[in-house]
PDB file of N, CA and C in Angstrom:
ATOM      1  N   MET A   1      11.604 -12.514  10.841  1.00  0.00           N
ATOM      2  CA  MET A   1      10.888 -11.694  11.793  1.00  0.00           C
ATOM      3  C   MET A   1      11.149 -12.111  13.234  1.00  0.00           C
ATOM      4  N   ALA A   2      11.283 -13.404  13.480  1.00  0.00           N
ATOM      5  CA  ALA A   2      11.522 -13.881  14.840  1.00  0.00           C
ATOM      6  C   ALA A   2      12.851 -13.375  15.366  1.00  0.00           C
ATOM      7  N   ASP A   3      13.854 -13.217  14.480  1.00  0.00           N
ATOM      8  CA  ASP A   3      15.154 -12.720  14.905  1.00  0.00           C
ATOM      9  C   ASP A   3      15.063 -11.283  15.408  1.00  0.00           C
ATOM     10  N   ASP A   4      14.217 -10.468  14.802  1.00  0.00           N
ATOM     11  CA  ASP A   4      14.046  -9.084  15.248  1.00  0.00           C
ATOM     12  C   ASP A   4      13.519  -9.025  16.665  1.00  0.00           C
ATOM     13  N   ASN A   5      12.584  -9.916  17.009  1.00  0.00           N
ATOM     14  CA  ASN A   5      12.006  -9.946  18.344  1.00  0.00           C
ATOM     15  C   ASN A   5      13.049 -10.334  19.380  1.00  0.00           C
ATOM     16  N   VAL A   6      13.896 -11.310  19.061  1.00  0.00           N
ATOM     17  CA  VAL A   6      14.947 -11.745  19.981  1.00  0.00           C
ATOM     18  C   VAL A   6      15.946 -10.618  20.203  1.00  0.00           C
ATOM     19  N   ASP A   7      16.331  -9.904  19.138  1.00  0.00           N
ATOM     20  CA  ASP A   7      17.280  -8.801  19.260  1.00  0.00           C
ATOM     21  C   ASP A   7      16.740  -7.678  20.134  1.00  0.00           C
ATOM     22  N   SER A   8      15.474  -7.338  19.986  1.00  0.00           N
ATOM     23  CA  SER A   8      14.913  -6.255  20.793  1.00  0.00           C
ATOM     24  C   SER A   8      14.809  -6.657  22.261  1.00  0.00           C
ATOM     25  N   GLN A   9      14.543  -7.932  22.541  1.00  0.00           N
ATOM     26  CA  GLN A   9      14.472  -8.382  23.928  1.00  0.00           C
ATOM     27  C   GLN A   9      15.841  -8.381  24.575  1.00  0.00           C
ATOM     28  N   SER A  10      16.880  -8.752  23.833  1.00  0.00           N
ATOM     29  CA  SER A  10      18.222  -8.802  24.403  1.00  0.00           C
ATOM     30  C   SER A  10      18.775  -7.406  24.651  1.00  0.00           C
ATOM     31  N   MET A  11      18.226  -6.381  23.986  1.00  0.00           N
ATOM     32  CA  MET A  11      18.719  -5.017  24.144  1.00  0.00           C
ATOM     33  C   MET A  11      18.081  -4.308  25.338  1.00  0.00           C
ATOM     34  N   GLU A  12      17.013  -4.869  25.917  1.00  0.00           N
ATOM     35  CA  GLU A  12      16.383  -4.265  27.075  1.00  0.00           C
ATOM     36  C   GLU A  12      17.320  -4.368  28.274  1.00  0.00           C
ATOM     37  N   LEU A  13      17.375  -3.303  29.064  1.00  0.00           N
ATOM     38  CA  LEU A  13      18.271  -3.270  30.210  1.00  0.00           C
ATOM     39  C   LEU A  13      17.593  -3.836  31.448  1.00  0.00           C
ATOM     40  N   THR A  14      18.356  -4.566  32.245  1.00  0.00           N
ATOM     41  CA  THR A  14      17.853  -5.007  33.534  1.00  0.00           C
ATOM     42  C   THR A  14      17.947  -3.825  34.497  1.00  0.00           C
ATOM     43  N   GLY A  15      17.324  -3.945  35.652  1.00  0.00           N
ATOM     44  CA  GLY A  15      17.388  -2.881  36.651  1.00  0.00           C
ATOM     45  C   GLY A  15      18.811  -2.585  37.076  1.00  0.00           C
ATOM     46  N   GLN A  16      19.608  -3.630  37.257  1.00  0.00           N
ATOM     47  CA  GLN A  16      21.004  -3.443  37.660  1.00  0.00           C
ATOM     48  C   GLN A  16      21.802  -2.726  36.577  1.00  0.00           C
ATOM     49  N   ASP A  17      21.562  -3.061  35.322  1.00  0.00           N
ATOM     50  CA  ASP A  17      22.275  -2.397  34.226  1.00  0.00           C
ATOM     51  C   ASP A  17      21.907  -0.922  34.153  1.00  0.00           C
ATOM     52  N   LYS A  18      20.635  -0.619  34.378  1.00  0.00           N
ATOM     53  CA  LYS A  18      20.188   0.775  34.342  1.00  0.00           C
ATOM     54  C   LYS A  18      20.859   1.574  35.465  1.00  0.00           C
ATOM     55  N   ILE A  19      20.915   1.001  36.654  1.00  0.00           N
ATOM     56  CA  ILE A  19      21.556   1.682  37.783  1.00  0.00           C
ATOM     57  C   ILE A  19      23.049   1.857  37.513  1.00  0.00           C
ATOM     58  N   ARG A  20      23.685   0.867  36.905  1.00  0.00           N
ATOM     59  CA  ARG A  20      25.112   1.007  36.559  1.00  0.00           C
ATOM     60  C   ARG A  20      25.336   2.179  35.608  1.00  0.00           C
ATOM     61  N   GLN A  21      24.400   2.417  34.697  1.00  0.00           N
ATOM     62  CA  GLN A  21      24.524   3.548  33.779  1.00  0.00           C
ATOM     63  C   GLN A  21      24.419   4.873  34.523  1.00  0.00           C
ATOM     64  N   TRP A  22      23.737   4.888  35.649  1.00  0.00           N
ATOM     65  CA  TRP A  22      23.566   6.116  36.429  1.00  0.00           C
ATOM     66  C   TRP A  22      24.797   6.460  37.260  1.00  0.00           C
ATOM     67  N   LEU A  23      25.710   5.509  37.466  1.00  0.00           N
ATOM     68  CA  LEU A  23      26.889   5.768  38.290  1.00  0.00           C
ATOM     69  C   LEU A  23      27.647   6.991  37.773  1.00  0.00           C
ATOM     70  N   ASN A  24      28.039   7.858  38.699  1.00  0.00           N
ATOM     71  CA  ASN A  24      28.798   9.081  38.413  1.00  0.00           C
ATOM     72  C   ASN A  24      28.028  10.093  37.572  1.00  0.00           C
ATOM     73  N   LYS A  25      26.715   9.950  37.483  1.00  0.00           N
ATOM     74  CA  LYS A  25      25.879  10.937  36.793  1.00  0.00           C
ATOM     75  C   LYS A  25      25.307  11.905  37.823  1.00  0.00           C
ATOM     76  N   SER A  26      24.981  13.084  37.376  1.00  0.00           N
ATOM     77  CA  SER A  26      24.357  14.080  38.245  1.00  0.00           C
ATOM     78  C   SER A  26      22.924  13.643  38.546  1.00  0.00           C
ATOM     79  N   MET A  27      22.543  13.690  39.823  1.00  0.00           N
ATOM     80  CA  MET A  27      21.225  13.228  40.250  1.00  0.00           C
ATOM     81  C   MET A  27      20.575  14.289  41.134  1.00  0.00           C
ATOM     82  N   LYS A  28      19.302  14.520  40.891  1.00  0.00           N
ATOM     83  CA  LYS A  28      18.515  15.459  41.706  1.00  0.00           C
ATOM     84  C   LYS A  28      17.457  14.649  42.429  1.00  0.00           C
ATOM     85  N   ILE A  29      17.429  14.776  43.768  1.00  0.00           N
ATOM     86  CA  ILE A  29      16.469  14.034  44.581  1.00  0.00           C
ATOM     87  C   ILE A  29      15.584  15.020  45.327  1.00  0.00           C
ATOM     88  N   GLU A  30      14.282  14.869  45.182  1.00  0.00           N
ATOM     89  CA  GLU A  30      13.316  15.662  45.939  1.00  0.00           C
ATOM     90  C   GLU A  30      12.863  14.816  47.119  1.00  0.00           C
ATOM     91  N   MET A  31      12.852  15.437  48.312  1.00  0.00           N
ATOM     92  CA  MET A  31      12.547  14.700  49.534  1.00  0.00           C
ATOM     93  C   MET A  31      11.185  15.084  50.099  1.00  0.00           C
ATOM     94  N   THR A  32      10.663  14.258  51.001  1.00  0.00           N
ATOM     95  CA  THR A  32       9.336  14.470  51.572  1.00  0.00           C
ATOM     96  C   THR A  32       9.222  15.759  52.370  1.00  0.00           C
ATOM     97  N   ASP A  33      10.337  16.261  52.917  1.00  0.00           N
ATOM     98  CA  ASP A  33      10.281  17.488  53.722  1.00  0.00           C
ATOM     99  C   ASP A  33      10.480  18.757  52.890  1.00  0.00           C
ATOM    100  N   GLY A  34      10.510  18.633  51.559  1.00  0.00           N
ATOM    101  CA  GLY A  34      10.609  19.800  50.691  1.00  0.00           C
ATOM    102  C   GLY A  34      12.029  20.129  50.242  1.00  0.00           C
ATOM    103  N   ARG A  35      13.017  19.480  50.831  1.00  0.00           N
ATOM    104  CA  ARG A  35      14.398  19.739  50.407  1.00  0.00           C
ATOM    105  C   ARG A  35      14.683  19.063  49.071  1.00  0.00           C
ATOM    106  N   THR A  36      15.622  19.643  48.343  1.00  0.00           N
ATOM    107  CA  THR A  36      16.106  19.059  47.098  1.00  0.00           C
ATOM    108  C   THR A  36      17.607  18.891  47.225  1.00  0.00           C
ATOM    109  N   LEU A  37      18.094  17.700  46.886  1.00  0.00           N
ATOM    110  CA  LEU A  37      19.523  17.414  46.932  1.00  0.00           C
ATOM    111  C   LEU A  37      20.028  17.213  45.516  1.00  0.00           C
ATOM    112  N   LEU A  38      21.174  17.792  45.232  1.00  0.00           N
ATOM    113  CA  LEU A  38      21.794  17.673  43.922  1.00  0.00           C
ATOM    114  C   LEU A  38      23.218  17.183  44.116  1.00  0.00           C
ATOM    115  N   GLY A  39      23.560  16.060  43.492  1.00  0.00           N
ATOM    116  CA  GLY A  39      24.897  15.501  43.658  1.00  0.00           C
ATOM    117  C   GLY A  39      25.183  14.429  42.632  1.00  0.00           C
ATOM    118  N   ILE A  40      26.293  13.755  42.814  1.00  0.00           N
ATOM    119  CA  ILE A  40      26.731  12.690  41.917  1.00  0.00           C
ATOM    120  C   ILE A  40      26.326  11.344  42.519  1.00  0.00           C
ATOM    121  N   PHE A  41      25.615  10.534  41.734  1.00  0.00           N
ATOM    122  CA  PHE A  41      25.155   9.231  42.196  1.00  0.00           C
ATOM    123  C   PHE A  41      26.347   8.300  42.415  1.00  0.00           C
ATOM    124  N   VAL A  42      26.478   7.800  43.653  1.00  0.00           N
ATOM    125  CA  VAL A  42      27.578   6.909  44.005  1.00  0.00           C
ATOM    126  C   VAL A  42      27.080   5.466  44.126  1.00  0.00           C
ATOM    127  N   CYS A  43      25.993   5.242  44.890  1.00  0.00           N
ATOM    128  CA  CYS A  43      25.483   3.879  45.036  1.00  0.00           C
ATOM    129  C   CYS A  43      24.101   3.898  45.679  1.00  0.00           C
ATOM    130  N   THR A  44      23.503   2.717  45.720  1.00  0.00           N
ATOM    131  CA  THR A  44      22.228   2.504  46.387  1.00  0.00           C
ATOM    132  C   THR A  44      22.281   1.125  47.052  1.00  0.00           C
ATOM    133  N   ASP A  45      21.254   0.815  47.845  1.00  0.00           N
ATOM    134  CA  ASP A  45      21.210  -0.495  48.496  1.00  0.00           C
ATOM    135  C   ASP A  45      19.813  -1.089  48.384  1.00  0.00           C
ATOM    136  N   LYS A  46      19.611  -2.256  48.980  1.00  0.00           N
ATOM    137  CA  LYS A  46      18.334  -2.960  48.863  1.00  0.00           C
ATOM    138  C   LYS A  46      17.185  -2.215  49.548  1.00  0.00           C
ATOM    139  N   ASP A  47      17.501  -1.302  50.474  1.00  0.00           N
ATOM    140  CA  ASP A  47      16.473  -0.514  51.159  1.00  0.00           C
ATOM    141  C   ASP A  47      16.152   0.785  50.439  1.00  0.00           C
ATOM    142  N   LYS A  48      16.699   0.961  49.228  1.00  0.00           N
ATOM    143  CA  LYS A  48      16.474   2.135  48.376  1.00  0.00           C
ATOM    144  C   LYS A  48      17.132   3.400  48.914  1.00  0.00           C
ATOM    145  N   ASN A  49      18.087   3.248  49.840  1.00  0.00           N
ATOM    146  CA  ASN A  49      18.871   4.399  50.274  1.00  0.00           C
ATOM    147  C   ASN A  49      19.816   4.769  49.136  1.00  0.00           C
ATOM    148  N   VAL A  50      20.112   6.061  49.002  1.00  0.00           N
ATOM    149  CA  VAL A  50      20.966   6.542  47.922  1.00  0.00           C
ATOM    150  C   VAL A  50      22.126   7.325  48.529  1.00  0.00           C
ATOM    151  N   ILE A  51      23.327   7.117  47.995  1.00  0.00           N
ATOM    152  CA  ILE A  51      24.504   7.879  48.399  1.00  0.00           C
ATOM    153  C   ILE A  51      24.836   8.847  47.272  1.00  0.00           C
ATOM    154  N   LEU A  52      24.936  10.132  47.614  1.00  0.00           N
ATOM    155  CA  LEU A  52      25.320  11.166  46.658  1.00  0.00           C
ATOM    156  C   LEU A  52      26.655  11.765  47.077  1.00  0.00           C
ATOM    157  N   GLY A  53      27.549  11.948  46.133  1.00  0.00           N
ATOM    158  CA  GLY A  53      28.807  12.627  46.376  1.00  0.00           C
ATOM    159  C   GLY A  53      28.725  14.066  45.911  1.00  0.00           C
ATOM    160  N   SER A  54      29.558  14.930  46.473  1.00  0.00           N
ATOM    161  CA  SER A  54      29.573  16.360  46.126  1.00  0.00           C
ATOM    162  C   SER A  54      28.156  16.939  46.183  1.00  0.00           C
ATOM    163  N   CYS A  55      27.445  16.587  47.220  1.00  0.00           N
ATOM    164  CA  CYS A  55      26.028  16.911  47.351  1.00  0.00           C
ATOM    165  C   CYS A  55      25.799  18.328  47.859  1.00  0.00           C
ATOM    166  N   GLN A  56      24.787  18.990  47.294  1.00  0.00           N
ATOM    167  CA  GLN A  56      24.332  20.294  47.771  1.00  0.00           C
ATOM    168  C   GLN A  56      22.851  20.187  48.102  1.00  0.00           C
ATOM    169  N   GLU A  57      22.445  20.914  49.141  1.00  0.00           N
ATOM    170  CA  GLU A  57      21.058  20.904  49.606  1.00  0.00           C
ATOM    171  C   GLU A  57      20.407  22.239  49.273  1.00  0.00           C
ATOM    172  N   PHE A  58      19.215  22.174  48.721  1.00  0.00           N
ATOM    173  CA  PHE A  58      18.418  23.353  48.418  1.00  0.00           C
ATOM    174  C   PHE A  58      17.119  23.244  49.200  1.00  0.00           C
ATOM    175  N   ILE A  59      16.735  24.318  49.901  1.00  0.00           N
ATOM    176  CA  ILE A  59      15.520  24.305  50.701  1.00  0.00           C
ATOM    177  C   ILE A  59      14.476  25.166  50.010  1.00  0.00           C
ATOM    178  N   ALA A  60      13.281  24.605  49.804  1.00  0.00           N
ATOM    179  CA  ALA A  60      12.204  25.319  49.129  1.00  0.00           C
ATOM    180  C   ALA A  60      11.606  26.375  50.042  1.00  0.00           C
ATOM    181  N   SER A  61      11.161  27.460  49.437  1.00  0.00           N
ATOM    182  CA  SER A  61      10.483  28.517  50.171  1.00  0.00           C
ATOM    183  C   SER A  61       9.149  27.988  50.681  1.00  0.00           C
ATOM    184  N   PRO A  62       8.754  28.341  51.914  1.00  0.00           N
ATOM    185  CA  PRO A  62       7.458  27.884  52.427  1.00  0.00           C
ATOM    186  C   PRO A  62       6.286  28.416  51.601  1.00  0.00           C
ATOM    187  N   ASP A  63       6.463  29.596  50.979  1.00  0.00           N
ATOM    188  CA  ASP A  63       5.389  30.196  50.189  1.00  0.00           C
ATOM    189  C   ASP A  63       5.282  29.590  48.799  1.00  0.00           C
ATOM    190  N   ASP A  64       6.433  29.291  48.201  1.00  0.00           N
ATOM    191  CA  ASP A  64       6.453  28.802  46.828  1.00  0.00           C
ATOM    192  C   ASP A  64       7.468  27.670  46.728  1.00  0.00           C
ATOM    193  N   SER A  65       7.009  26.467  46.463  1.00  0.00           N
ATOM    194  CA  SER A  65       7.906  25.310  46.442  1.00  0.00           C
ATOM    195  C   SER A  65       8.861  25.330  45.252  1.00  0.00           C
ATOM    196  N   ASN A  66       8.668  26.242  44.301  1.00  0.00           N
ATOM    197  CA  ASN A  66       9.547  26.309  43.138  1.00  0.00           C
ATOM    198  C   ASN A  66      10.741  27.229  43.344  1.00  0.00           C
ATOM    199  N   THR A  67      10.806  27.949  44.464  1.00  0.00           N
ATOM    200  CA  THR A  67      11.928  28.845  44.705  1.00  0.00           C
ATOM    201  C   THR A  67      12.672  28.434  45.966  1.00  0.00           C
ATOM    202  N   CYS A  68      13.967  28.725  45.981  1.00  0.00           N
ATOM    203  CA  CYS A  68      14.802  28.412  47.142  1.00  0.00           C
ATOM    204  C   CYS A  68      14.927  29.644  48.023  1.00  0.00           C
ATOM    205  N   THR A  69      14.969  29.427  49.343  1.00  0.00           N
ATOM    206  CA  THR A  69      15.034  30.547  50.274  1.00  0.00           C
ATOM    207  C   THR A  69      16.464  30.984  50.561  1.00  0.00           C
ATOM    208  N   THR A  70      17.419  30.084  50.412  1.00  0.00           N
ATOM    209  CA  THR A  70      18.795  30.412  50.763  1.00  0.00           C
ATOM    210  C   THR A  70      19.754  29.893  49.697  1.00  0.00           C
ATOM    211  N   GLU A  71      21.012  30.245  49.878  1.00  0.00           N
ATOM    212  CA  GLU A  71      22.060  29.678  49.027  1.00  0.00           C
ATOM    213  C   GLU A  71      22.129  28.177  49.288  1.00  0.00           C
ATOM    214  N   PRO A  72      22.596  27.423  48.300  1.00  0.00           N
ATOM    215  CA  PRO A  72      22.715  25.981  48.539  1.00  0.00           C
ATOM    216  C   PRO A  72      23.714  25.700  49.660  1.00  0.00           C
ATOM    217  N   ARG A  73      23.422  24.686  50.429  1.00  0.00           N
ATOM    218  CA  ARG A  73      24.309  24.265  51.512  1.00  0.00           C
ATOM    219  C   ARG A  73      25.085  23.045  51.038  1.00  0.00           C
ATOM    220  N   THR A  74      26.408  23.100  51.140  1.00  0.00           N
ATOM    221  CA  THR A  74      27.250  21.990  50.713  1.00  0.00           C
ATOM    222  C   THR A  74      27.265  20.915  51.788  1.00  0.00           C
ATOM    223  N   LEU A  75      26.903  19.696  51.389  1.00  0.00           N
ATOM    224  CA  LEU A  75      26.884  18.569  52.313  1.00  0.00           C
ATOM    225  C   LEU A  75      28.056  17.625  52.096  1.00  0.00           C
ATOM    226  N   GLY A  76      28.592  17.577  50.898  1.00  0.00           N
ATOM    227  CA  GLY A  76      29.653  16.618  50.586  1.00  0.00           C
ATOM    228  C   GLY A  76      29.053  15.265  50.272  1.00  0.00           C
ATOM    229  N   LEU A  77      29.478  14.226  50.980  1.00  0.00           N
ATOM    230  CA  LEU A  77      28.947  12.881  50.797  1.00  0.00           C
ATOM    231  C   LEU A  77      27.703  12.731  51.675  1.00  0.00           C
ATOM    232  N   ALA A  78      26.570  12.379  51.063  1.00  0.00           N
ATOM    233  CA  ALA A  78      25.313  12.325  51.816  1.00  0.00           C
ATOM    234  C   ALA A  78      24.575  11.021  51.544  1.00  0.00           C
ATOM    235  N   MET A  79      23.971  10.462  52.599  1.00  0.00           N
ATOM    236  CA  MET A  79      23.115   9.293  52.476  1.00  0.00           C
ATOM    237  C   MET A  79      21.674   9.761  52.591  1.00  0.00           C
ATOM    238  N   VAL A  80      20.879   9.424  51.584  1.00  0.00           N
ATOM    239  CA  VAL A  80      19.471   9.815  51.558  1.00  0.00           C
ATOM    240  C   VAL A  80      18.634   8.572  51.819  1.00  0.00           C
ATOM    241  N   PRO A  81      17.893   8.545  52.938  1.00  0.00           N
ATOM    242  CA  PRO A  81      17.050   7.371  53.215  1.00  0.00           C
ATOM    243  C   PRO A  81      15.976   7.197  52.144  1.00  0.00           C
ATOM    244  N   GLY A  82      15.818   5.988  51.656  1.00  0.00           N
ATOM    245  CA  GLY A  82      14.853   5.713  50.601  1.00  0.00           C
ATOM    246  C   GLY A  82      13.431   6.093  50.961  1.00  0.00           C
ATOM    247  N   ARG A  83      13.070   5.979  52.231  1.00  0.00           N
ATOM    248  CA  ARG A  83      11.690   6.281  52.644  1.00  0.00           C
ATOM    249  C   ARG A  83      11.367   7.773  52.554  1.00  0.00           C
ATOM    250  N   HIS A  84      12.395   8.630  52.421  1.00  0.00           N
ATOM    251  CA  HIS A  84      12.185  10.074  52.325  1.00  0.00           C
ATOM    252  C   HIS A  84      12.286  10.606  50.895  1.00  0.00           C
ATOM    253  N   ILE A  85      12.502   9.722  49.926  1.00  0.00           N
ATOM    254  CA  ILE A  85      12.646  10.142  48.527  1.00  0.00           C
ATOM    255  C   ILE A  85      11.282  10.213  47.862  1.00  0.00           C
ATOM    256  N   VAL A  86      10.991  11.389  47.289  1.00  0.00           N
ATOM    257  CA  VAL A  86       9.746  11.577  46.541  1.00  0.00           C
ATOM    258  C   VAL A  86       9.982  11.324  45.061  1.00  0.00           C
ATOM    259  N   SER A  87      11.056  11.903  44.513  1.00  0.00           N
ATOM    260  CA  SER A  87      11.370  11.707  43.099  1.00  0.00           C
ATOM    261  C   SER A  87      12.870  11.813  42.873  1.00  0.00           C
ATOM    262  N   ILE A  88      13.304  11.190  41.787  1.00  0.00           N
ATOM    263  CA  ILE A  88      14.708  11.198  41.381  1.00  0.00           C
ATOM    264  C   ILE A  88      14.769  11.571  39.914  1.00  0.00           C
ATOM    265  N   HIS A  89      15.673  12.487  39.588  1.00  0.00           N
ATOM    266  CA  HIS A  89      15.908  12.893  38.202  1.00  0.00           C
ATOM    267  C   HIS A  89      17.393  12.693  37.900  1.00  0.00           C
ATOM    268  N   ILE A  90      17.690  12.097  36.750  1.00  0.00           N
ATOM    269  CA  ILE A  90      19.056  11.804  36.355  1.00  0.00           C
ATOM    270  C   ILE A  90      19.421  12.674  35.158  1.00  0.00           C
ATOM    271  N   ASP A  91      20.612  13.291  35.198  1.00  0.00           N
ATOM    272  CA  ASP A  91      21.122  14.007  34.037  1.00  0.00           C
ATOM    273  C   ASP A  91      21.842  12.986  33.177  1.00  0.00           C
ATOM    274  N   THR A  92      21.230  12.594  32.067  1.00  0.00           N
ATOM    275  CA  THR A  92      21.800  11.548  31.228  1.00  0.00           C
ATOM    276  C   THR A  92      22.611  12.129  30.079  1.00  0.00           C
ATOM    277  N   GLY A  93      22.926  13.416  30.144  1.00  0.00           N
ATOM    278  CA  GLY A  93      23.743  14.051  29.109  1.00  0.00           C
ATOM    279  C   GLY A  93      25.167  13.549  29.147  1.00  0.00           C
ATOM    280  N   PRO A  94      26.017  14.099  28.291  1.00  0.00           N
ATOM    281  CA  PRO A  94      27.418  13.667  28.267  1.00  0.00           C
ATOM    282  C   PRO A  94      28.106  13.972  29.583  1.00  0.00           C
ATOM    283  N   GLU A  95      29.064  13.118  29.940  1.00  0.00           N
ATOM    284  CA  GLU A  95      29.788  13.310  31.193  1.00  0.00           C
ATOM    285  C   GLU A  95      30.636  14.570  31.124  1.00  0.00           C
ATOM    286  N   PRO A  96      30.684  15.343  32.211  1.00  0.00           N
ATOM    287  CA  PRO A  96      31.510  16.547  32.209  1.00  0.00           C
ATOM    288  C   PRO A  96      32.989  16.175  32.149  1.00  0.00           C
ATOM    289  N   GLN A  97      33.753  16.986  31.415  1.00  0.00           N
ATOM    290  CA  GLN A  97      35.186  16.743  31.337  1.00  0.00           C
ATOM    291  C   GLN A  97      35.879  17.413  32.497  1.00  0.00           C
ATOM    292  N   PRO A  98      36.922  16.777  33.021  1.00  0.00           N
ATOM    293  CA  PRO A  98      37.655  17.382  34.135  1.00  0.00           C
ATOM    294  C   PRO A  98      38.219  18.744  33.747  1.00  0.00           C
ATOM    295  N   GLU A  99      38.303  19.628  34.721  1.00  0.00           N
ATOM    296  CA  GLU A  99      38.821  20.961  34.452  1.00  0.00           C
ATOM    297  C   GLU A  99      40.266  20.872  33.978  1.00  0.00           C
ATOM    298  N   GLY A 100      40.630  21.762  33.087  1.00  0.00           N
ATOM    299  CA  GLY A 100      41.997  21.806  32.602  1.00  0.00           C
ATOM    300  C   GLY A 100      42.264  20.911  31.413  1.00  0.00           C
ATOM    301  N   THR A 101      41.220  20.189  30.926  1.00  0.00           N
ATOM    302  CA  THR A 101      41.414  19.374  29.731  1.00  0.00           C
ATOM    303  C   THR A 101      40.686  20.026  28.585  1.00  0.00           C
ATOM    304  N   ASN A 102      41.369  20.231  27.503  1.00  0.00           N
ATOM    305  CA  ASN A 102      40.776  20.841  26.325  1.00  0.00           C
ATOM    306  C   ASN A 102      40.902  19.878  25.149  1.00  0.00           C
ATOM    307  N   PHE A 103      39.914  19.022  24.989  1.00  0.00           N
ATOM    308  CA  PHE A 103      39.946  18.048  23.894  1.00  0.00           C
ATOM    309  C   PHE A 103      39.063  18.499  22.781  1.00  0.00           C
TER     310      PHE A 103
END
């Protein structure tokens, strides 16, 4: 029985390991000003700033926070200050395959 406990403890991920798993995954960040950013997680730092690649910005309607008022705006590479992040959602599904590959 003691061996089972040791195995389960060794399988727990550290914070750094969890963040490494998020690399190159699709990430959705909701910000304090109502904007939502959708992009590929590139990195973070000790101040909780996040870098997203291929980032698009969605602006919530003033009347209804669940709808967007305009087409998404392409930002490209974006730095999101940690102090403005309300929530983060990670797409942990399978990685998308590059276009033109049929496996």
